[in-house]
Amino acid sequence: MREQEFDKARGGAMETQSLAESARECAATAETAATRSEQVRRMMPKWLRHLEALVSRSATPSREERGPLTTRRQRRQQGGSDYAPAADARPPVQGSSQERRA
């Protein structure tokens, strides 16, 4: 009778040890997943900025698509200046400088 109790207790201890080992493995897996999730969360803004830059670049026509730049002579013939306007240039304000200050 005593021997059966001993065997039963030993079996219970082995089962408990196996469950504890399985729980440790699950905890380690969860910790790894949490670490990866945190890394992705920190990297996401960088990836988004990179993708935005790629999309912006692809939306801007290439030099070949825009065609050749106009020469000074062509700009003068079209009524423009000798210098190409800046990409973000606004048309000049009409009127005298005194009128603009008022």
PDB file of N, CA and C in Angstrom:
ATOM      1  N   MET A   1       0.822  -1.175   0.000  1.00  0.00           N
ATOM      2  CA  MET A   1       0.000   0.000   0.000  1.00  0.00           C
ATOM      3  C   MET A   1       0.874   1.249   0.000  1.00  0.00           C
ATOM      4  N   ARG A   2       1.888   1.254   0.840  1.00  0.00           N
ATOM      5  CA  ARG A   2       2.808   2.370   0.950  1.00  0.00           C
ATOM      6  C   ARG A   2       3.527   2.604  -0.374  1.00  0.00           C
ATOM      7  N   GLU A   3       3.877   1.536  -1.040  1.00  0.00           N
ATOM      8  CA  GLU A   3       4.598   1.641  -2.310  1.00  0.00           C
ATOM      9  C   GLU A   3       3.713   2.268  -3.388  1.00  0.00           C
ATOM     10  N   GLN A   4       2.433   1.944  -3.422  1.00  0.00           N
ATOM     11  CA  GLN A   4       1.502   2.523  -4.392  1.00  0.00           C
ATOM     12  C   GLN A   4       1.365   4.033  -4.172  1.00  0.00           C
ATOM     13  N   GLU A   5       1.291   4.440  -2.896  1.00  0.00           N
ATOM     14  CA  GLU A   5       1.200   5.870  -2.589  1.00  0.00           C
ATOM     15  C   GLU A   5       2.461   6.597  -3.052  1.00  0.00           C
ATOM     16  N   PHE A   6       3.595   5.945  -2.831  1.00  0.00           N
ATOM     17  CA  PHE A   6       4.872   6.539  -3.241  1.00  0.00           C
ATOM     18  C   PHE A   6       4.920   6.697  -4.766  1.00  0.00           C
ATOM     19  N   ASP A   7       4.506   5.653  -5.493  1.00  0.00           N
ATOM     20  CA  ASP A   7       4.489   5.717  -6.960  1.00  0.00           C
ATOM     21  C   ASP A   7       3.525   6.795  -7.463  1.00  0.00           C
ATOM     22  N   LYS A   8       2.366   6.896  -6.789  1.00  0.00           N
ATOM     23  CA  LYS A   8       1.383   7.897  -7.172  1.00  0.00           C
ATOM     24  C   LYS A   8       1.945   9.311  -6.945  1.00  0.00           C
ATOM     25  N   ALA A   9       2.611   9.505  -5.822  1.00  0.00           N
ATOM     26  CA  ALA A   9       3.203  10.814  -5.514  1.00  0.00           C
ATOM     27  C   ALA A   9       4.309  11.145  -6.513  1.00  0.00           C
ATOM     28  N   ARG A  10       5.121  10.155  -6.838  1.00  0.00           N
ATOM     29  CA  ARG A  10       6.195  10.370  -7.815  1.00  0.00           C
ATOM     30  C   ARG A  10       5.607  10.746  -9.179  1.00  0.00           C
ATOM     31  N   GLY A  11       4.552  10.051  -9.603  1.00  0.00           N
ATOM     32  CA  GLY A  11       3.891  10.362 -10.873  1.00  0.00           C
ATOM     33  C   GLY A  11       3.326  11.785 -10.866  1.00  0.00           C
ATOM     34  N   GLY A  12       2.732  12.184  -9.745  1.00  0.00           N
ATOM     35  CA  GLY A  12       2.194  13.540  -9.621  1.00  0.00           C
ATOM     36  C   GLY A  12       3.299  14.590  -9.695  1.00  0.00           C
ATOM     37  N   ALA A  13       4.428  14.299  -9.065  1.00  0.00           N
ATOM     38  CA  ALA A  13       5.556  15.237  -9.087  1.00  0.00           C
ATOM     39  C   ALA A  13       6.113  15.369 -10.503  1.00  0.00           C
ATOM     40  N   MET A  14       6.202  14.261 -11.208  1.00  0.00           N
ATOM     41  CA  MET A  14       6.712  14.305 -12.583  1.00  0.00           C
ATOM     42  C   MET A  14       5.760  15.095 -13.482  1.00  0.00           C
ATOM     43  N   GLU A  15       4.454  14.904 -13.272  1.00  0.00           N
ATOM     44  CA  GLU A  15       3.470  15.633 -14.068  1.00  0.00           C
ATOM     45  C   GLU A  15       3.545  17.136 -13.763  1.00  0.00           C
ATOM     46  N   THR A  16       3.714  17.469 -12.486  1.00  0.00           N
ATOM     47  CA  THR A  16       3.841  18.875 -12.087  1.00  0.00           C
ATOM     48  C   THR A  16       5.084  19.491 -12.713  1.00  0.00           C
ATOM     49  N   GLN A  17       6.185  18.751 -12.705  1.00  0.00           N
ATOM     50  CA  GLN A  17       7.430  19.239 -13.300  1.00  0.00           C
ATOM     51  C   GLN A  17       7.255  19.463 -14.806  1.00  0.00           C
ATOM     52  N   SER A  18       6.569  18.560 -15.469  1.00  0.00           N
ATOM     53  CA  SER A  18       6.330  18.686 -16.905  1.00  0.00           C
ATOM     54  C   SER A  18       5.459  19.912 -17.198  1.00  0.00           C
ATOM     55  N   LEU A  19       4.417  20.115 -16.381  1.00  0.00           N
ATOM     56  CA  LEU A  19       3.554  21.282 -16.567  1.00  0.00           C
ATOM     57  C   LEU A  19       4.325  22.585 -16.328  1.00  0.00           C
ATOM     58  N   ALA A  20       5.195  22.592 -15.329  1.00  0.00           N
ATOM     59  CA  ALA A  20       5.986  23.789 -15.035  1.00  0.00           C
ATOM     60  C   ALA A  20       6.928  24.105 -16.193  1.00  0.00           C
ATOM     61  N   GLU A  21       7.534  23.076 -16.754  1.00  0.00           N
ATOM     62  CA  GLU A  21       8.434  23.277 -17.898  1.00  0.00           C
ATOM     63  C   GLU A  21       7.658  23.820 -19.103  1.00  0.00           C
ATOM     64  N   SER A  22       6.472  23.282 -19.338  1.00  0.00           N
ATOM     65  CA  SER A  22       5.635  23.752 -20.433  1.00  0.00           C
ATOM     66  C   SER A  22       5.235  25.216 -20.205  1.00  0.00           C
ATOM     67  N   ALA A  23       4.911  25.574 -18.972  1.00  0.00           N
ATOM     68  CA  ALA A  23       4.541  26.959 -18.649  1.00  0.00           C
ATOM     69  C   ALA A  23       5.729  27.896 -18.876  1.00  0.00           C
ATOM     70  N   ARG A  24       6.944  27.451 -18.515  1.00  0.00           N
ATOM     71  CA  ARG A  24       8.146  28.273 -18.753  1.00  0.00           C
ATOM     72  C   ARG A  24       8.356  28.503 -20.247  1.00  0.00           C
ATOM     73  N   GLU A  25       8.159  27.466 -21.052  1.00  0.00           N
ATOM     74  CA  GLU A  25       8.309  27.602 -22.503  1.00  0.00           C
ATOM     75  C   GLU A  25       7.276  28.581 -23.066  1.00  0.00           C
ATOM     76  N   CYS A  26       6.031  28.486 -22.589  1.00  0.00           N
ATOM     77  CA  CYS A  26       4.981  29.414 -23.045  1.00  0.00           C
ATOM     78  C   CYS A  26       5.325  30.846 -22.647  1.00  0.00           C
ATOM     79  N   ALA A  27       5.832  31.044 -21.440  1.00  0.00           N
ATOM     80  CA  ALA A  27       6.197  32.386 -20.979  1.00  0.00           C
ATOM     81  C   ALA A  27       7.337  32.949 -21.821  1.00  0.00           C
ATOM     82  N   ALA A  28       8.314  32.112 -22.148  1.00  0.00           N
ATOM     83  CA  ALA A  28       9.436  32.566 -22.979  1.00  0.00           C
ATOM     84  C   ALA A  28       8.946  32.943 -24.379  1.00  0.00           C
ATOM     85  N   THR A  29       8.036  32.154 -24.933  1.00  0.00           N
ATOM     86  CA  THR A  29       7.478  32.456 -26.251  1.00  0.00           C
ATOM     87  C   THR A  29       6.700  33.767 -26.218  1.00  0.00           C
ATOM     88  N   ALA A  30       5.912  33.974 -25.173  1.00  0.00           N
ATOM     89  CA  ALA A  30       5.144  35.220 -25.039  1.00  0.00           C
ATOM     90  C   ALA A  30       6.076  36.418 -24.896  1.00  0.00           C
ATOM     91  N   GLU A  31       7.155  36.254 -24.149  1.00  0.00           N
ATOM     92  CA  GLU A  31       8.119  37.349 -23.973  1.00  0.00           C
ATOM     93  C   GLU A  31       8.793  37.693 -25.305  1.00  0.00           C
ATOM     94  N   THR A  32       9.151  36.674 -26.077  1.00  0.00           N
ATOM     95  CA  THR A  32       9.753  36.904 -27.392  1.00  0.00           C
ATOM     96  C   THR A  32       8.776  37.643 -28.307  1.00  0.00           C
ATOM     97  N   ALA A  33       7.518  37.220 -28.295  1.00  0.00           N
ATOM     98  CA  ALA A  33       6.505  37.880 -29.130  1.00  0.00           C
ATOM     99  C   ALA A  33       6.314  39.334 -28.704  1.00  0.00           C
ATOM    100  N   ALA A  34       6.308  39.593 -27.398  1.00  0.00           N
ATOM    101  CA  ALA A  34       6.139  40.962 -26.907  1.00  0.00           C
ATOM    102  C   ALA A  34       7.324  41.832 -27.314  1.00  0.00           C
ATOM    103  N   THR A  35       8.523  41.266 -27.257  1.00  0.00           N
ATOM    104  CA  THR A  35       9.721  42.012 -27.652  1.00  0.00           C
ATOM    105  C   THR A  35       9.657  42.355 -29.134  1.00  0.00           C
ATOM    106  N   ARG A  36       9.285  41.392 -29.963  1.00  0.00           N
ATOM    107  CA  ARG A  36       9.174  41.649 -31.407  1.00  0.00           C
ATOM    108  C   ARG A  36       8.094  42.688 -31.697  1.00  0.00           C
ATOM    109  N   SER A  37       6.983  42.589 -30.988  1.00  0.00           N
ATOM    110  CA  SER A  37       5.899  43.547 -31.181  1.00  0.00           C
ATOM    111  C   SER A  37       6.370  44.961 -30.838  1.00  0.00           C
ATOM    112  N   GLU A  38       7.128  45.109 -29.772  1.00  0.00           N
ATOM    113  CA  GLU A  38       7.660  46.416 -29.379  1.00  0.00           C
ATOM    114  C   GLU A  38       8.642  46.936 -30.425  1.00  0.00           C
ATOM    115  N   GLN A  39       9.476  46.043 -30.952  1.00  0.00           N
ATOM    116  CA  GLN A  39      10.431  46.453 -31.988  1.00  0.00           C
ATOM    117  C   GLN A  39       9.686  46.947 -33.230  1.00  0.00           C
ATOM    118  N   VAL A  40       8.646  46.237 -33.629  1.00  0.00           N
ATOM    119  CA  VAL A  40       7.856  46.635 -34.802  1.00  0.00           C
ATOM    120  C   VAL A  40       7.178  47.973 -34.531  1.00  0.00           C
ATOM    121  N   ARG A  41       6.639  48.153 -33.319  1.00  0.00           N
ATOM    122  CA  ARG A  41       5.967  49.403 -32.969  1.00  0.00           C
ATOM    123  C   ARG A  41       6.931  50.585 -33.075  1.00  0.00           C
ATOM    124  N   ARG A  42       8.183  50.384 -32.659  1.00  0.00           N
ATOM    125  CA  ARG A  42       9.170  51.466 -32.737  1.00  0.00           C
ATOM    126  C   ARG A  42       9.630  51.714 -34.168  1.00  0.00           C
ATOM    127  N   MET A  43       9.679  50.680 -34.998  1.00  0.00           N
ATOM    128  CA  MET A  43      10.169  50.825 -36.368  1.00  0.00           C
ATOM    129  C   MET A  43       9.088  51.318 -37.334  1.00  0.00           C
ATOM    130  N   MET A  44       7.824  51.160 -36.985  1.00  0.00           N
ATOM    131  CA  MET A  44       6.729  51.497 -37.896  1.00  0.00           C
ATOM    132  C   MET A  44       6.806  52.933 -38.426  1.00  0.00           C
ATOM    133  N   PRO A  45       7.018  53.960 -37.586  1.00  0.00           N
ATOM    134  CA  PRO A  45       7.098  55.323 -38.140  1.00  0.00           C
ATOM    135  C   PRO A  45       8.211  55.475 -39.183  1.00  0.00           C
ATOM    136  N   LYS A  46       9.347  54.825 -38.945  1.00  0.00           N
ATOM    137  CA  LYS A  46      10.461  54.903 -39.902  1.00  0.00           C
ATOM    138  C   LYS A  46      10.060  54.259 -41.227  1.00  0.00           C
ATOM    139  N   TRP A  47       9.412  53.107 -41.156  1.00  0.00           N
ATOM    140  CA  TRP A  47       8.971  52.427 -42.377  1.00  0.00           C
ATOM    141  C   TRP A  47       7.953  53.281 -43.133  1.00  0.00           C
ATOM    142  N   LEU A  48       7.039  53.897 -42.388  1.00  0.00           N
ATOM    143  CA  LEU A  48       6.024  54.731 -43.039  1.00  0.00           C
ATOM    144  C   LEU A  48       6.654  55.929 -43.734  1.00  0.00           C
ATOM    145  N   ARG A  49       7.639  56.574 -43.077  1.00  0.00           N
ATOM    146  CA  ARG A  49       8.319  57.706 -43.718  1.00  0.00           C
ATOM    147  C   ARG A  49       9.017  57.253 -44.994  1.00  0.00           C
ATOM    148  N   HIS A  50       9.642  56.083 -44.943  1.00  0.00           N
ATOM    149  CA  HIS A  50      10.328  55.536 -46.115  1.00  0.00           C
ATOM    150  C   HIS A  50       9.326  55.292 -47.247  1.00  0.00           C
ATOM    151  N   LEU A  51       8.181  54.685 -46.922  1.00  0.00           N
ATOM    152  CA  LEU A  51       7.167  54.423 -47.942  1.00  0.00           C
ATOM    153  C   LEU A  51       6.606  55.721 -48.511  1.00  0.00           C
ATOM    154  N   GLU A  52       6.380  56.720 -47.643  1.00  0.00           N
ATOM    155  CA  GLU A  52       5.887  58.013 -48.127  1.00  0.00           C
ATOM    156  C   GLU A  52       6.873  58.635 -49.106  1.00  0.00           C
ATOM    157  N   ALA A  53       8.168  58.523 -48.800  1.00  0.00           N
ATOM    158  CA  ALA A  53       9.186  59.074 -49.701  1.00  0.00           C
ATOM    159  C   ALA A  53       9.157  58.346 -51.045  1.00  0.00           C
ATOM    160  N   LEU A  54       9.005  57.028 -51.012  1.00  0.00           N
ATOM    161  CA  LEU A  54       8.948  56.261 -52.262  1.00  0.00           C
ATOM    162  C   LEU A  54       7.726  56.650 -53.085  1.00  0.00           C
ATOM    163  N   VAL A  55       6.582  56.784 -52.431  1.00  0.00           N
ATOM    164  CA  VAL A  55       5.357  57.152 -53.141  1.00  0.00           C
ATOM    165  C   VAL A  55       5.491  58.551 -53.718  1.00  0.00           C
ATOM    166  N   SER A  56       6.048  59.462 -52.929  1.00  0.00           N
ATOM    167  CA  SER A  56       6.220  60.839 -53.395  1.00  0.00           C
ATOM    168  C   SER A  56       7.136  60.886 -54.610  1.00  0.00           C
ATOM    169  N   ARG A  57       8.235  60.131 -54.541  1.00  0.00           N
ATOM    170  CA  ARG A  57       9.172  60.097 -55.663  1.00  0.00           C
ATOM    171  C   ARG A  57       8.524  59.518 -56.911  1.00  0.00           C
ATOM    172  N   SER A  58       7.700  58.490 -56.729  1.00  0.00           N
ATOM    173  CA  SER A  58       7.074  57.868 -57.900  1.00  0.00           C
ATOM    174  C   SER A  58       5.993  58.777 -58.482  1.00  0.00           C
ATOM    175  N   ALA A  59       5.425  59.681 -57.671  1.00  0.00           N
ATOM    176  CA  ALA A  59       4.391  60.597 -58.162  1.00  0.00           C
ATOM    177  C   ALA A  59       4.994  61.799 -58.884  1.00  0.00           C
ATOM    178  N   THR A  60       6.272  62.069 -58.650  1.00  0.00           N
ATOM    179  CA  THR A  60       6.944  63.194 -59.302  1.00  0.00           C
ATOM    180  C   THR A  60       7.475  62.723 -60.647  1.00  0.00           C
ATOM    181  N   PRO A  61       7.145  63.420 -61.730  1.00  0.00           N
ATOM    182  CA  PRO A  61       7.637  62.977 -63.040  1.00  0.00           C
ATOM    183  C   PRO A  61       9.166  63.022 -63.100  1.00  0.00           C
ATOM    184  N   SER A  62       9.729  62.057 -63.768  1.00  0.00           N
ATOM    185  CA  SER A  62      11.181  62.003 -63.906  1.00  0.00           C
ATOM    186  C   SER A  62      11.648  63.053 -64.904  1.00  0.00           C
ATOM    187  N   ARG A  63      12.928  63.266 -64.954  1.00  0.00           N
ATOM    188  CA  ARG A  63      13.519  64.242 -65.876  1.00  0.00           C
ATOM    189  C   ARG A  63      13.142  63.887 -67.318  1.00  0.00           C
ATOM    190  N   GLU A  64      13.175  62.601 -67.644  1.00  0.00           N
ATOM    191  CA  GLU A  64      12.822  62.168 -68.997  1.00  0.00           C
ATOM    192  C   GLU A  64      11.352  62.449 -69.286  1.00  0.00           C
ATOM    193  N   GLU A  65      10.483  62.213 -68.288  1.00  0.00           N
ATOM    194  CA  GLU A  65       9.052  62.446 -68.489  1.00  0.00           C
ATOM    195  C   GLU A  65       8.732  63.937 -68.645  1.00  0.00           C
ATOM    196  N   ARG A  66       9.480  64.804 -67.968  1.00  0.00           N
ATOM    197  CA  ARG A  66       9.243  66.248 -68.062  1.00  0.00           C
ATOM    198  C   ARG A  66       9.748  66.813 -69.372  1.00  0.00           C
ATOM    199  N   GLY A  67      10.684  66.127 -69.977  1.00  0.00           N
ATOM    200  CA  GLY A  67      11.247  66.615 -71.233  1.00  0.00           C
ATOM    201  C   GLY A  67      12.432  67.529 -70.981  1.00  0.00           C
ATOM    202  N   PRO A  68      13.049  67.995 -72.051  1.00  0.00           N
ATOM    203  CA  PRO A  68      14.251  68.820 -71.893  1.00  0.00           C
ATOM    204  C   PRO A  68      13.903  70.189 -71.307  1.00  0.00           C
ATOM    205  N   LEU A  69      14.871  70.777 -70.599  1.00  0.00           N
ATOM    206  CA  LEU A  69      14.690  72.112 -70.035  1.00  0.00           C
ATOM    207  C   LEU A  69      14.752  73.139 -71.156  1.00  0.00           C
ATOM    208  N   THR A  70      14.027  74.231 -70.962  1.00  0.00           N
ATOM    209  CA  THR A  70      14.054  75.282 -71.980  1.00  0.00           C
ATOM    210  C   THR A  70      15.356  76.070 -71.863  1.00  0.00           C
ATOM    211  N   THR A  71      15.802  76.602 -72.992  1.00  0.00           N
ATOM    212  CA  THR A  71      17.021  77.421 -72.998  1.00  0.00           C
ATOM    213  C   THR A  71      16.647  78.860 -72.670  1.00  0.00           C
ATOM    214  N   ARG A  72      17.652  79.684 -72.371  1.00  0.00           N
ATOM    215  CA  ARG A  72      17.403  81.105 -72.104  1.00  0.00           C
ATOM    216  C   ARG A  72      16.709  81.762 -73.295  1.00  0.00           C
ATOM    217  N   ARG A  73      17.172  81.426 -74.486  1.00  0.00           N
ATOM    218  CA  ARG A  73      16.584  82.019 -75.696  1.00  0.00           C
ATOM    219  C   ARG A  73      15.098  81.653 -75.788  1.00  0.00           C
ATOM    220  N   GLN A  74      14.776  80.365 -75.545  1.00  0.00           N
ATOM    221  CA  GLN A  74      13.378  79.942 -75.608  1.00  0.00           C
ATOM    222  C   GLN A  74      12.534  80.669 -74.558  1.00  0.00           C
ATOM    223  N   ARG A  75      13.073  80.814 -73.339  1.00  0.00           N
ATOM    224  CA  ARG A  75      12.323  81.511 -72.293  1.00  0.00           C
ATOM    225  C   ARG A  75      12.093  82.973 -72.667  1.00  0.00           C
ATOM    226  N   ARG A  76      13.116  83.628 -73.242  1.00  0.00           N
ATOM    227  CA  ARG A  76      12.975  85.030 -73.665  1.00  0.00           C
ATOM    228  C   ARG A  76      11.926  85.152 -74.770  1.00  0.00           C
ATOM    229  N   GLN A  77      11.945  84.209 -75.720  1.00  0.00           N
ATOM    230  CA  GLN A  77      10.979  84.246 -76.820  1.00  0.00           C
ATOM    231  C   GLN A  77       9.547  84.043 -76.313  1.00  0.00           C
ATOM    232  N   GLN A  78       9.418  83.309 -75.207  1.00  0.00           N
ATOM    233  CA  GLN A  78       8.091  83.060 -74.635  1.00  0.00           C
ATOM    234  C   GLN A  78       7.688  84.173 -73.664  1.00  0.00           C
ATOM    235  N   GLY A  79       8.512  85.222 -73.569  1.00  0.00           N
ATOM    236  CA  GLY A  79       8.180  86.344 -72.694  1.00  0.00           C
ATOM    237  C   GLY A  79       8.639  86.158 -71.267  1.00  0.00           C
ATOM    238  N   GLY A  80       9.489  85.180 -71.014  1.00  0.00           N
ATOM    239  CA  GLY A  80       9.985  84.938 -69.657  1.00  0.00           C
ATOM    240  C   GLY A  80      11.330  85.590 -69.437  1.00  0.00           C
ATOM    241  N   SER A  81      11.938  85.307 -68.305  1.00  0.00           N
ATOM    242  CA  SER A  81      13.236  85.907 -67.996  1.00  0.00           C
ATOM    243  C   SER A  81      14.356  84.985 -68.464  1.00  0.00           C
ATOM    244  N   ASP A  82      15.591  85.473 -68.298  1.00  0.00           N
ATOM    245  CA  ASP A  82      16.756  84.659 -68.643  1.00  0.00           C
ATOM    246  C   ASP A  82      16.914  83.474 -67.693  1.00  0.00           C
ATOM    247  N   TYR A  83      16.327  83.586 -66.521  1.00  0.00           N
ATOM    248  CA  TYR A  83      16.520  82.559 -65.500  1.00  0.00           C
ATOM    249  C   TYR A  83      15.234  81.778 -65.303  1.00  0.00           C
ATOM    250  N   ALA A  84      15.381  80.496 -65.132  1.00  0.00           N
ATOM    251  CA  ALA A  84      14.207  79.651 -64.917  1.00  0.00           C
ATOM    252  C   ALA A  84      13.628  79.974 -63.549  1.00  0.00           C
ATOM    253  N   PRO A  85      12.309  80.074 -63.432  1.00  0.00           N
ATOM    254  CA  PRO A  85      11.712  80.367 -62.127  1.00  0.00           C
ATOM    255  C   PRO A  85      11.888  79.177 -61.190  1.00  0.00           C
ATOM    256  N   ALA A  86      11.946  79.466 -59.901  1.00  0.00           N
ATOM    257  CA  ALA A  86      12.036  78.393 -58.911  1.00  0.00           C
ATOM    258  C   ALA A  86      10.750  77.586 -58.958  1.00  0.00           C
ATOM    259  N   ALA A  87      10.842  76.334 -58.558  1.00  0.00           N
ATOM    260  CA  ALA A  87       9.688  75.440 -58.631  1.00  0.00           C
ATOM    261  C   ALA A  87       8.524  75.956 -57.792  1.00  0.00           C
ATOM    262  N   ASP A  88       8.818  76.617 -56.670  1.00  0.00           N
ATOM    263  CA  ASP A  88       7.756  77.095 -55.798  1.00  0.00           C
ATOM    264  C   ASP A  88       7.535  78.601 -55.919  1.00  0.00           C
ATOM    265  N   ALA A  89       8.007  79.206 -57.019  1.00  0.00           N
ATOM    266  CA  ALA A  89       7.906  80.661 -57.191  1.00  0.00           C
ATOM    267  C   ALA A  89       6.458  81.074 -57.397  1.00  0.00           C
ATOM    268  N   ARG A  90       6.102  82.221 -56.784  1.00  0.00           N
ATOM    269  CA  ARG A  90       4.765  82.790 -56.973  1.00  0.00           C
ATOM    270  C   ARG A  90       4.882  83.940 -57.962  1.00  0.00           C
ATOM    271  N   PRO A  91       3.807  84.253 -58.654  1.00  0.00           N
ATOM    272  CA  PRO A  91       3.872  85.377 -59.595  1.00  0.00           C
ATOM    273  C   PRO A  91       4.101  86.675 -58.820  1.00  0.00           C
ATOM    274  N   PRO A  92       4.792  87.638 -59.419  1.00  0.00           N
ATOM    275  CA  PRO A  92       5.075  88.881 -58.707  1.00  0.00           C
ATOM    276  C   PRO A  92       3.792  89.645 -58.415  1.00  0.00           C
ATOM    277  N   VAL A  93       3.820  90.361 -57.289  1.00  0.00           N
ATOM    278  CA  VAL A  93       2.671  91.168 -56.890  1.00  0.00           C
ATOM    279  C   VAL A  93       2.624  92.400 -57.777  1.00  0.00           C
ATOM    280  N   GLN A  94       1.435  92.744 -58.284  1.00  0.00           N
ATOM    281  CA  GLN A  94       1.276  93.902 -59.165  1.00  0.00           C
ATOM    282  C   GLN A  94       1.173  95.176 -58.330  1.00  0.00           C
ATOM    283  N   GLY A  95       1.555  96.292 -58.908  1.00  0.00           N
ATOM    284  CA  GLY A  95       1.463  97.574 -58.229  1.00  0.00           C
ATOM    285  C   GLY A  95       2.825  98.028 -57.749  1.00  0.00           C
ATOM    286  N   SER A  96       2.890  99.270 -57.304  1.00  0.00           N
ATOM    287  CA  SER A  96       4.174  99.815 -56.867  1.00  0.00           C
ATOM    288  C   SER A  96       4.511  99.317 -55.473  1.00  0.00           C
ATOM    289  N   SER A  97       5.764  99.500 -55.075  1.00  0.00           N
ATOM    290  CA  SER A  97       6.182  99.076 -53.748  1.00  0.00           C
ATOM    291  C   SER A  97       5.455  99.877 -52.679  1.00  0.00           C
ATOM    292  N   GLN A  98       5.127 101.155 -52.970  1.00  0.00           N
ATOM    293  CA  GLN A  98       4.394 101.974 -52.000  1.00  0.00           C
ATOM    294  C   GLN A  98       2.971 101.444 -51.818  1.00  0.00           C
ATOM    295  N   GLU A  99       2.362 101.001 -52.892  1.00  0.00           N
ATOM    296  CA  GLU A  99       1.011 100.444 -52.785  1.00  0.00           C
ATOM    297  C   GLU A  99       1.013  99.148 -51.986  1.00  0.00           C
ATOM    298  N   ARG A 100       2.049  98.330 -52.163  1.00  0.00           N
ATOM    299  CA  ARG A 100       2.134  97.067 -51.430  1.00  0.00           C
ATOM    300  C   ARG A 100       2.326  97.308 -49.946  1.00  0.00           C
ATOM    301  N   ARG A 101       3.056  98.355 -49.573  1.00  0.00           N
ATOM    302  CA  ARG A 101       3.302  98.642 -48.160  1.00  0.00           C
ATOM    303  C   ARG A 101       2.047  99.157 -47.461  1.00  0.00           C
ATOM    304  N   ALA A 102       1.154  99.757 -48.195  1.00  0.00           N
ATOM    305  CA  ALA A 102      -0.037 100.391 -47.597  1.00  0.00           C
ATOM    306  C   ALA A 102      -1.051  99.380 -47.136  1.00  0.00           C
TER     307      ALA A 102
END
